[in-house]
Protein backbone atom coordinates (compact mmCIF):
# COMPACT_ATOMS: atom_id res chain seq x y z
CA MET A 1 -8.64 1.61 -11.86
CA ALA A 2 -5.42 1.78 -9.55
CA ALA A 3 -3.84 -1.15 -8.08
CA ARG A 4 -3.80 -1.47 -4.78
CA SER A 5 -0.65 -0.22 -2.97
CA CYS A 6 -1.23 -1.35 0.19
CA SER A 7 -0.06 -4.42 2.18
CA PRO A 8 -0.81 -5.77 6.00
CA ALA A 9 1.57 -3.12 6.66
CA CYS A 10 -0.90 0.20 5.67
CA THR A 11 -3.16 -1.31 8.57
CA PRO A 12 -2.01 -0.84 12.22
CA PRO A 13 -0.84 -3.72 13.81
CA GLY A 14 -3.49 -3.33 16.99
CA ARG A 15 -6.26 -3.15 14.35
CA THR A 16 -5.31 -6.37 12.07
CA VAL A 17 -5.21 -8.20 15.57
CA ARG A 18 -8.48 -7.32 16.90
CA LEU A 19 -9.91 -8.40 13.29
CA LEU A 20 -8.25 -11.62 13.15
CA GLU A 21 -9.32 -12.42 16.53
CA ALA A 22 -13.41 -11.33 15.67
CA LEU A 23 -13.10 -13.32 13.23
CA ARG A 24 -12.11 -16.71 14.97
CA SER A 25 -16.01 -17.34 14.06
CA PRO A 26 -17.04 -16.37 10.29
CA ALA A 27 -18.63 -13.35 10.34
CA THR A 28 -20.13 -10.57 7.96
CA THR A 29 -18.62 -7.32 7.50
CA THR A 30 -21.95 -5.80 9.77
CA ASP A 31 -21.37 -8.55 12.56
CA LEU A 32 -17.65 -7.18 12.58
CA ALA A 33 -17.99 -3.77 12.72
CA GLN A 34 -21.05 -4.20 14.93
CA ALA A 35 -18.44 -6.46 17.35
CA LEU A 36 -15.70 -3.80 17.21
CA GLY A 37 -18.10 -0.73 17.54
CA VAL A 38 -17.19 0.85 14.14
CA THR A 39 -18.73 1.27 10.64
CA PRO A 40 -19.13 -1.42 8.04
CA SER A 41 -17.41 1.00 5.99
CA ALA A 42 -14.53 1.39 8.38
CA VAL A 43 -13.95 -2.56 8.16
CA SER A 44 -14.61 -3.42 4.30
CA PRO A 45 -11.32 -2.05 3.26
CA HIS A 46 -9.57 -4.05 5.99
CA PHE A 47 -10.95 -7.38 4.56
CA GLY A 48 -9.33 -6.88 0.87
CA VAL A 49 -5.79 -6.37 2.51
CA LEU A 50 -6.05 -9.34 4.58
CA ARG A 51 -7.93 -11.57 2.37
CA GLU A 52 -4.81 -10.74 -0.53
CA SER A 53 -2.67 -11.56 1.91
CA GLY A 54 -4.09 -14.85 2.50
CA LEU A 55 -5.04 -13.64 6.41
CA VAL A 56 -8.39 -14.31 6.24
CA GLU A 57 -11.03 -15.87 3.61
CA ARG A 58 -14.61 -15.50 2.37
CA GLU A 59 -17.53 -17.73 1.52
CA ARG A 60 -20.46 -16.82 0.27
CA SER A 61 -24.09 -18.10 1.41
CA GLU A 62 -26.91 -16.52 -0.19
CA ARG A 63 -26.90 -12.85 -0.22
CA GLN A 64 -24.16 -12.99 2.82
CA VAL A 65 -20.66 -13.18 2.77
CA ARG A 66 -18.98 -14.40 5.76
CA TYR A 67 -15.04 -13.80 6.49
CA LEU A 68 -13.34 -15.86 8.23
CA VAL A 69 -9.08 -15.89 9.97
CA THR A 70 -7.08 -18.32 7.73
CA ALA A 71 -4.52 -20.97 9.51
CA LEU A 72 -2.22 -18.14 8.21
CA GLY A 73 -4.07 -15.44 9.79
CA LEU A 74 -4.02 -17.73 13.55
CA ALA A 75 -0.30 -17.80 13.38
CA PRO A 76 0.37 -14.41 14.99
CA LEU A 77 -2.86 -15.14 17.61
CA ASP A 78 -1.45 -18.31 18.92
CA PRO A 79 1.39 -18.53 20.98
């Protein structure tokens, strides 16, 4: 399996901000995709990059995985 070569720079800034803003409340991939009007498969790769960067974290609750923005991820959102 190839190593990830993508960094937050690979994700367009506007999309990153929209994802982080939407994750102020915990959400599943499906919840977030519906809120943004895209498919879950369009959102999922971004979660990996943001999680590796420490901008979001995930928590498992039974069969669901919820993502939420971390304090580091909130920093660019709050003036």
